[in-house]
Amino acid sequence: MRIDLNGQTIETQARTLADLLTEQGFESPCVATAVDGDFIARPLRSGTPLSDGVKVEVLSPMQGG
């Protein structure tokens, strides 16, 4: 299926948000996620299904000053 990940269209076989994070290498425990603009808490990711055309945002904290 095709989804929008952080503003770029990608092809994925992931069926859930948790699967997508693993597939795309987002394994940091500190990432924040949103699906179609709605925040998804870490415990809910494995139960959050993805569908064609969905918009997913994954944000990682940055260090620096």
Protein backbone atom coordinates (compact mmCIF):
# COMPACT_ATOMS: atom_id res chain seq x y z
CA MET A 1 0.00 0.00 0.00
CA ARG A 2 1.04 3.62 -0.44
CA ILE A 3 1.17 5.92 2.56
CA ASP A 4 2.57 9.35 3.35
CA LEU A 5 5.43 9.09 5.87
CA ASN A 6 6.83 12.40 7.10
CA GLY A 7 5.73 14.12 3.89
CA GLN A 8 7.00 11.49 1.45
CA THR A 9 4.95 8.86 -0.32
CA ILE A 10 6.28 5.36 0.31
CA GLU A 11 5.24 1.78 -0.44
CA THR A 12 4.88 -0.44 2.63
CA GLN A 13 3.76 -3.92 3.58
CA ALA A 14 3.18 -2.83 7.20
CA ARG A 15 -0.34 -3.37 8.47
CA THR A 16 0.02 -1.51 11.78
CA LEU A 17 1.84 1.57 12.98
CA ALA A 18 4.18 -0.60 15.08
CA ASP A 19 5.03 -2.70 12.00
CA LEU A 20 5.78 0.46 10.02
CA LEU A 21 8.14 1.79 12.69
CA THR A 22 10.07 -1.48 12.68
CA GLU A 23 10.09 -1.69 8.87
CA GLN A 24 11.41 1.86 8.52
CA GLY A 25 14.01 1.58 11.29
CA PHE A 26 12.38 3.88 13.85
CA GLU A 27 13.34 1.90 16.92
CA SER A 28 14.12 4.74 19.29
CA PRO A 29 11.99 4.53 22.43
CA CYS A 30 11.53 8.29 22.32
CA VAL A 31 9.74 8.79 19.00
CA ALA A 32 6.32 10.43 18.88
CA THR A 33 3.79 9.28 16.30
CA ALA A 34 0.66 10.65 14.68
CA VAL A 35 -1.71 9.14 12.14
CA ASP A 36 -3.81 11.56 10.08
CA GLY A 37 -2.97 14.26 12.62
CA ASP A 38 -3.98 12.28 15.72
CA PHE A 39 -1.31 11.49 18.33
CA ILE A 40 -0.85 7.73 18.85
CA ALA A 41 0.62 6.70 22.21
CA ARG A 42 3.26 3.95 22.24
CA PRO A 43 0.96 1.29 23.79
CA LEU A 44 -1.60 1.81 21.00
CA ARG A 45 0.77 1.49 18.03
CA SER A 46 0.43 -2.27 17.56
CA GLY A 47 -3.36 -1.89 17.47
CA THR A 48 -3.38 1.05 15.06
CA PRO A 49 -4.08 -0.23 11.54
CA LEU A 50 -2.76 1.51 8.45
CA SER A 51 -4.70 1.97 5.24
CA ASP A 52 -3.85 3.16 1.76
CA GLY A 53 -3.27 6.93 1.66
CA VAL A 54 -2.92 7.44 5.43
CA LYS A 55 -0.58 10.21 6.63
CA VAL A 56 1.94 9.16 9.30
CA GLU A 57 4.30 11.49 11.16
CA VAL A 58 7.22 10.17 13.21
CA LEU A 59 9.20 12.67 15.25
CA SER A 60 12.42 12.10 17.19
CA PRO A 61 13.77 14.49 19.82
CA MET A 62 16.90 16.39 18.84
CA GLN A 63 19.70 17.42 21.15
CA GLY A 64 21.66 20.58 20.86
CA GLY A 65 21.47 24.17 21.73
